[in-house]
Amino acid sequence: MRVLFVTVFLLILDQITKALTRVQMDLHESIPIIQDFFHLTHVANDGMAFGINFPAGIYVFTFVSFIASIGLAWYLWHVRKATLLLRLSLAFILAGAVGNLIDRVLFQEVVDFLDFMIAGHHWPVFNVADSSVTVGMFFFLYYSLILQPKLETAHSPN
């Protein structure tokens, strides 16, 4: 289960960057790193990804994140001998789920700070945990839709 080192690394990176953002930046403060492309912007999100929210959402998202994290950990254990790409995808997703779960439990909100503007479009502000989930889902979809069918075809009797 060496992929759990990836989970732990991403989780620590996520929590350190969020803590630095909380301590070093005022809420809604924005620091241009590359003008009109990338800023560090401190926002607090008590909803789901990209600011999606509804009444009592923090409790629903906290509960769903907790259940999803348990499910991901169980599934990762279940496929512990599967291909590295599948295990890595789950490790990334688990890191992101737990990273944002920690924020919801401790602070009742998630700190976001990575702020991109591309071709006049302002992308919703996000964090390392959100990035981990996104990369993990990309790996998982690639594995599930492209790699796994090829592996099954290669190993199937003709």
C-alpha atoms as a PDB file:
ATOM      1  CA  MET A   1       0.000   0.000   0.000  1.00  0.00           C
ATOM      2  CA  ARG A   2       2.835   2.370  -0.840  1.00  0.00           C
ATOM      3  CA  VAL A   3       0.379   4.611  -2.686  1.00  0.00           C
ATOM      4  CA  LEU A   4      -0.814   5.759   0.735  1.00  0.00           C
ATOM      5  CA  PHE A   5       2.442   7.734   0.928  1.00  0.00           C
ATOM      6  CA  VAL A   6       1.073   9.739  -2.005  1.00  0.00           C
ATOM      7  CA  THR A   7      -2.162  10.275  -0.075  1.00  0.00           C
ATOM      8  CA  VAL A   8      -0.275  11.400   3.036  1.00  0.00           C
ATOM      9  CA  PHE A   9       2.035  13.701   1.045  1.00  0.00           C
ATOM     10  CA  LEU A  10      -0.879  15.380  -0.762  1.00  0.00           C
ATOM     11  CA  LEU A  11      -2.857  15.663   2.473  1.00  0.00           C
ATOM     12  CA  ILE A  12       0.062  17.334   4.271  1.00  0.00           C
ATOM     13  CA  LEU A  13       0.677  19.667   1.309  1.00  0.00           C
ATOM     14  CA  ASP A  14      -3.017  20.577   1.259  1.00  0.00           C
ATOM     15  CA  GLN A  15      -3.176  21.314   4.980  1.00  0.00           C
ATOM     16  CA  ILE A  16       0.069  23.320   5.017  1.00  0.00           C
ATOM     17  CA  THR A  17      -0.983  25.495   2.071  1.00  0.00           C
ATOM     18  CA  LYS A  18      -4.401  26.128   3.607  1.00  0.00           C
ATOM     19  CA  ALA A  19      -2.853  26.986   6.989  1.00  0.00           C
ATOM     20  CA  LEU A  20      -0.423  29.402   5.327  1.00  0.00           C
ATOM     21  CA  THR A  21      -3.296  31.003   3.464  1.00  0.00           C
ATOM     22  CA  ARG A  22      -5.327  31.426   6.686  1.00  0.00           C
ATOM     23  CA  VAL A  23      -2.377  32.917   8.565  1.00  0.00           C
ATOM     24  CA  GLN A  24      -0.692  35.021   5.884  1.00  0.00           C
ATOM     25  CA  MET A  25      -3.651  36.421   3.933  1.00  0.00           C
ATOM     26  CA  ASP A  26      -6.789  38.311   4.855  1.00  0.00           C
ATOM     27  CA  LEU A  27     -10.065  36.855   3.648  1.00  0.00           C
ATOM     28  CA  HIS A  28     -10.661  37.958   0.016  1.00  0.00           C
ATOM     29  CA  GLU A  29      -7.101  39.285  -0.292  1.00  0.00           C
ATOM     30  CA  SER A  30      -5.627  38.567  -3.721  1.00  0.00           C
ATOM     31  CA  ILE A  31      -1.926  38.522  -4.589  1.00  0.00           C
ATOM     32  CA  PRO A  32      -1.108  38.545  -8.308  1.00  0.00           C
ATOM     33  CA  ILE A  33       1.582  36.001  -9.145  1.00  0.00           C
ATOM     34  CA  ILE A  34       1.149  36.311 -12.919  1.00  0.00           C
ATOM     35  CA  GLN A  35      -1.051  39.336 -13.571  1.00  0.00           C
ATOM     36  CA  ASP A  36      -4.406  38.462 -15.182  1.00  0.00           C
ATOM     37  CA  PHE A  37      -3.552  34.744 -15.201  1.00  0.00           C
ATOM     38  CA  PHE A  38      -2.735  33.396 -11.718  1.00  0.00           C
ATOM     39  CA  HIS A  39      -3.373  34.956  -8.307  1.00  0.00           C
ATOM     40  CA  LEU A  40      -3.351  33.659  -4.770  1.00  0.00           C
ATOM     41  CA  THR A  41      -6.782  34.651  -3.480  1.00  0.00           C
ATOM     42  CA  HIS A  42      -8.029  33.731  -0.017  1.00  0.00           C
ATOM     43  CA  VAL A  43     -11.666  32.653  -0.059  1.00  0.00           C
ATOM     44  CA  ALA A  44     -13.674  30.529   2.362  1.00  0.00           C
ATOM     45  CA  ASN A  45     -16.148  28.052   0.952  1.00  0.00           C
ATOM     46  CA  ASP A  46     -18.784  26.527   3.215  1.00  0.00           C
ATOM     47  CA  GLY A  47     -20.347  24.656   0.319  1.00  0.00           C
ATOM     48  CA  MET A  48     -19.183  22.066  -2.123  1.00  0.00           C
ATOM     49  CA  ALA A  49     -16.634  22.421  -4.898  1.00  0.00           C
ATOM     50  CA  PHE A  50     -16.703  25.685  -6.858  1.00  0.00           C
ATOM     51  CA  GLY A  51     -18.927  27.395  -4.288  1.00  0.00           C
ATOM     52  CA  ILE A  52     -22.025  25.231  -4.868  1.00  0.00           C
ATOM     53  CA  ASN A  53     -24.147  25.555  -1.743  1.00  0.00           C
ATOM     54  CA  PHE A  54     -27.607  25.042  -0.276  1.00  0.00           C
ATOM     55  CA  PRO A  55     -29.148  25.318   3.237  1.00  0.00           C
ATOM     56  CA  ALA A  56     -27.425  22.995   5.742  1.00  0.00           C
ATOM     57  CA  GLY A  57     -24.988  22.126   2.973  1.00  0.00           C
ATOM     58  CA  ILE A  58     -21.958  22.066   5.273  1.00  0.00           C
ATOM     59  CA  TYR A  59     -23.487  19.196   7.258  1.00  0.00           C
ATOM     60  CA  VAL A  60     -24.480  17.271   4.146  1.00  0.00           C
ATOM     61  CA  PHE A  61     -21.058  17.770   2.537  1.00  0.00           C
ATOM     62  CA  THR A  62     -19.272  16.805   5.751  1.00  0.00           C
ATOM     63  CA  PHE A  63     -21.308  13.612   6.055  1.00  0.00           C
ATOM     64  CA  VAL A  64     -20.922  12.729   2.370  1.00  0.00           C
ATOM     65  CA  SER A  65     -17.169  13.440   2.514  1.00  0.00           C
ATOM     66  CA  PHE A  66     -16.826  11.208   5.570  1.00  0.00           C
ATOM     67  CA  ILE A  67     -18.721   8.322   3.947  1.00  0.00           C
ATOM     68  CA  ALA A  68     -16.879   8.799   0.643  1.00  0.00           C
ATOM     69  CA  SER A  69     -13.505   8.779   2.415  1.00  0.00           C
ATOM     70  CA  ILE A  70     -14.341   5.523   4.169  1.00  0.00           C
ATOM     71  CA  GLY A  71     -15.568   4.047   0.884  1.00  0.00           C
ATOM     72  CA  LEU A  72     -12.436   5.160  -0.957  1.00  0.00           C
ATOM     73  CA  ALA A  73     -10.151   3.740   1.734  1.00  0.00           C
ATOM     74  CA  TRP A  74     -12.040   0.429   1.636  1.00  0.00           C
ATOM     75  CA  TYR A  75     -11.921   0.296  -2.170  1.00  0.00           C
ATOM     76  CA  LEU A  76      -8.222   1.158  -2.178  1.00  0.00           C
ATOM     77  CA  TRP A  77      -7.619  -1.742   0.222  1.00  0.00           C
ATOM     78  CA  HIS A  78      -9.776  -4.020  -1.913  1.00  0.00           C
ATOM     79  CA  VAL A  79      -7.759  -3.241  -5.083  1.00  0.00           C
ATOM     80  CA  ARG A  80      -4.373  -3.140  -3.329  1.00  0.00           C
ATOM     81  CA  LYS A  81      -2.912  -5.581  -5.884  1.00  0.00           C
ATOM     82  CA  ALA A  82      -4.417  -3.853  -8.930  1.00  0.00           C
ATOM     83  CA  THR A  83      -2.495  -1.728 -11.403  1.00  0.00           C
ATOM     84  CA  LEU A  84      -0.536   1.223 -10.093  1.00  0.00           C
ATOM     85  CA  LEU A  85      -2.638   3.725 -12.053  1.00  0.00           C
ATOM     86  CA  LEU A  86      -5.886   2.576 -10.410  1.00  0.00           C
ATOM     87  CA  ARG A  87      -4.332   2.679  -6.952  1.00  0.00           C
ATOM     88  CA  LEU A  88      -2.784   6.106  -7.596  1.00  0.00           C
ATOM     89  CA  SER A  89      -6.098   7.482  -8.823  1.00  0.00           C
ATOM     90  CA  LEU A  90      -7.786   6.386  -5.613  1.00  0.00           C
ATOM     91  CA  ALA A  91      -4.903   7.705  -3.486  1.00  0.00           C
ATOM     92  CA  PHE A  92      -5.250  11.153  -5.085  1.00  0.00           C
ATOM     93  CA  ILE A  93      -9.043  11.204  -4.660  1.00  0.00           C
ATOM     94  CA  LEU A  94      -8.763  10.037  -1.045  1.00  0.00           C
ATOM     95  CA  ALA A  95      -6.230  12.783  -0.245  1.00  0.00           C
ATOM     96  CA  GLY A  96      -8.548  15.446  -1.625  1.00  0.00           C
ATOM     97  CA  ALA A  97     -11.629  14.091   0.107  1.00  0.00           C
ATOM     98  CA  VAL A  98      -9.888  13.889   3.480  1.00  0.00           C
ATOM     99  CA  GLY A  99      -8.180  17.267   3.032  1.00  0.00           C
ATOM    100  CA  ASN A 100     -11.455  19.097   2.544  1.00  0.00           C
ATOM    101  CA  LEU A 101     -13.176  16.947   5.193  1.00  0.00           C
ATOM    102  CA  ILE A 102     -10.603  18.104   7.758  1.00  0.00           C
ATOM    103  CA  ASP A 103     -11.435  21.734   6.941  1.00  0.00           C
ATOM    104  CA  ARG A 104     -15.181  21.151   7.181  1.00  0.00           C
ATOM    105  CA  VAL A 105     -14.854  19.431  10.559  1.00  0.00           C
ATOM    106  CA  LEU A 106     -12.362  21.879  12.091  1.00  0.00           C
ATOM    107  CA  PHE A 107     -13.446  25.180  10.526  1.00  0.00           C
ATOM    108  CA  GLN A 108     -16.937  24.582   9.025  1.00  0.00           C
ATOM    109  CA  GLU A 109     -15.534  25.868   5.735  1.00  0.00           C
ATOM    110  CA  VAL A 110     -12.864  25.018   3.183  1.00  0.00           C
ATOM    111  CA  VAL A 111     -10.080  27.454   2.327  1.00  0.00           C
ATOM    112  CA  ASP A 112      -9.488  27.973  -1.388  1.00  0.00           C
ATOM    113  CA  PHE A 113      -6.638  30.057  -2.780  1.00  0.00           C
ATOM    114  CA  LEU A 114      -5.579  28.996  -6.301  1.00  0.00           C
ATOM    115  CA  ASP A 115      -7.144  31.565  -8.608  1.00  0.00           C
ATOM    116  CA  PHE A 116      -6.786  31.299 -12.412  1.00  0.00           C
ATOM    117  CA  MET A 117      -8.040  33.563 -15.175  1.00  0.00           C
ATOM    118  CA  ILE A 118      -7.848  32.120 -18.682  1.00  0.00           C
ATOM    119  CA  ALA A 119      -8.821  34.012 -21.835  1.00  0.00           C
ATOM    120  CA  GLY A 120     -11.023  36.413 -19.895  1.00  0.00           C
ATOM    121  CA  HIS A 121     -12.703  33.591 -17.976  1.00  0.00           C
ATOM    122  CA  HIS A 122     -12.251  33.601 -14.207  1.00  0.00           C
ATOM    123  CA  TRP A 123     -12.102  29.990 -13.017  1.00  0.00           C
ATOM    124  CA  PRO A 124     -13.573  29.284  -9.537  1.00  0.00           C
ATOM    125  CA  VAL A 125     -10.912  29.466  -6.823  1.00  0.00           C
ATOM    126  CA  PHE A 126      -9.746  26.041  -5.625  1.00  0.00           C
ATOM    127  CA  ASN A 127      -7.114  24.328  -3.448  1.00  0.00           C
ATOM    128  CA  VAL A 128      -4.669  21.390  -3.420  1.00  0.00           C
ATOM    129  CA  ALA A 129      -7.385  18.964  -2.250  1.00  0.00           C
ATOM    130  CA  ASP A 130      -9.648  19.956  -5.159  1.00  0.00           C
ATOM    131  CA  SER A 131      -6.707  19.497  -7.527  1.00  0.00           C
ATOM    132  CA  SER A 132      -6.000  16.065  -6.059  1.00  0.00           C
ATOM    133  CA  VAL A 133      -9.580  14.939  -6.618  1.00  0.00           C
ATOM    134  CA  THR A 134      -9.533  16.289 -10.184  1.00  0.00           C
ATOM    135  CA  VAL A 135      -6.236  14.604 -11.092  1.00  0.00           C
ATOM    136  CA  GLY A 136      -7.349  11.390  -9.380  1.00  0.00           C
ATOM    137  CA  MET A 137     -10.625  11.378 -11.309  1.00  0.00           C
ATOM    138  CA  PHE A 138      -8.749  11.943 -14.577  1.00  0.00           C
ATOM    139  CA  PHE A 139      -6.483   8.962 -13.792  1.00  0.00           C
ATOM    140  CA  PHE A 140      -9.484   6.855 -12.764  1.00  0.00           C
ATOM    141  CA  LEU A 141     -11.433   7.665 -15.931  1.00  0.00           C
ATOM    142  CA  TYR A 142      -8.398   7.008 -18.098  1.00  0.00           C
ATOM    143  CA  TYR A 143      -7.880   3.665 -16.372  1.00  0.00           C
ATOM    144  CA  SER A 144     -11.567   2.694 -16.480  1.00  0.00           C
ATOM    145  CA  LEU A 145     -12.403   3.821 -19.998  1.00  0.00           C
ATOM    146  CA  ILE A 146      -9.148   3.268 -21.891  1.00  0.00           C
ATOM    147  CA  LEU A 147      -6.596   1.135 -20.060  1.00  0.00           C
ATOM    148  CA  GLN A 148      -8.796  -1.484 -18.377  1.00  0.00           C
ATOM    149  CA  PRO A 149     -10.650  -2.493 -21.588  1.00  0.00           C
ATOM    150  CA  LYS A 150      -7.276  -2.927 -23.330  1.00  0.00           C
ATOM    151  CA  LEU A 151      -5.973  -5.048 -20.452  1.00  0.00           C
ATOM    152  CA  GLU A 152      -9.095  -7.202 -20.473  1.00  0.00           C
ATOM    153  CA  THR A 153      -8.854  -7.688 -24.230  1.00  0.00           C
ATOM    154  CA  ALA A 154      -5.167  -8.649 -23.971  1.00  0.00           C
ATOM    155  CA  HIS A 155      -5.867 -11.224 -21.250  1.00  0.00           C
ATOM    156  CA  SER A 156      -9.085 -12.686 -22.601  1.00  0.00           C
ATOM    157  CA  PRO A 157      -8.963 -16.143 -24.222  1.00  0.00           C
ATOM    158  CA  ASN A 158      -9.649 -16.085 -27.960  1.00  0.00           C
END
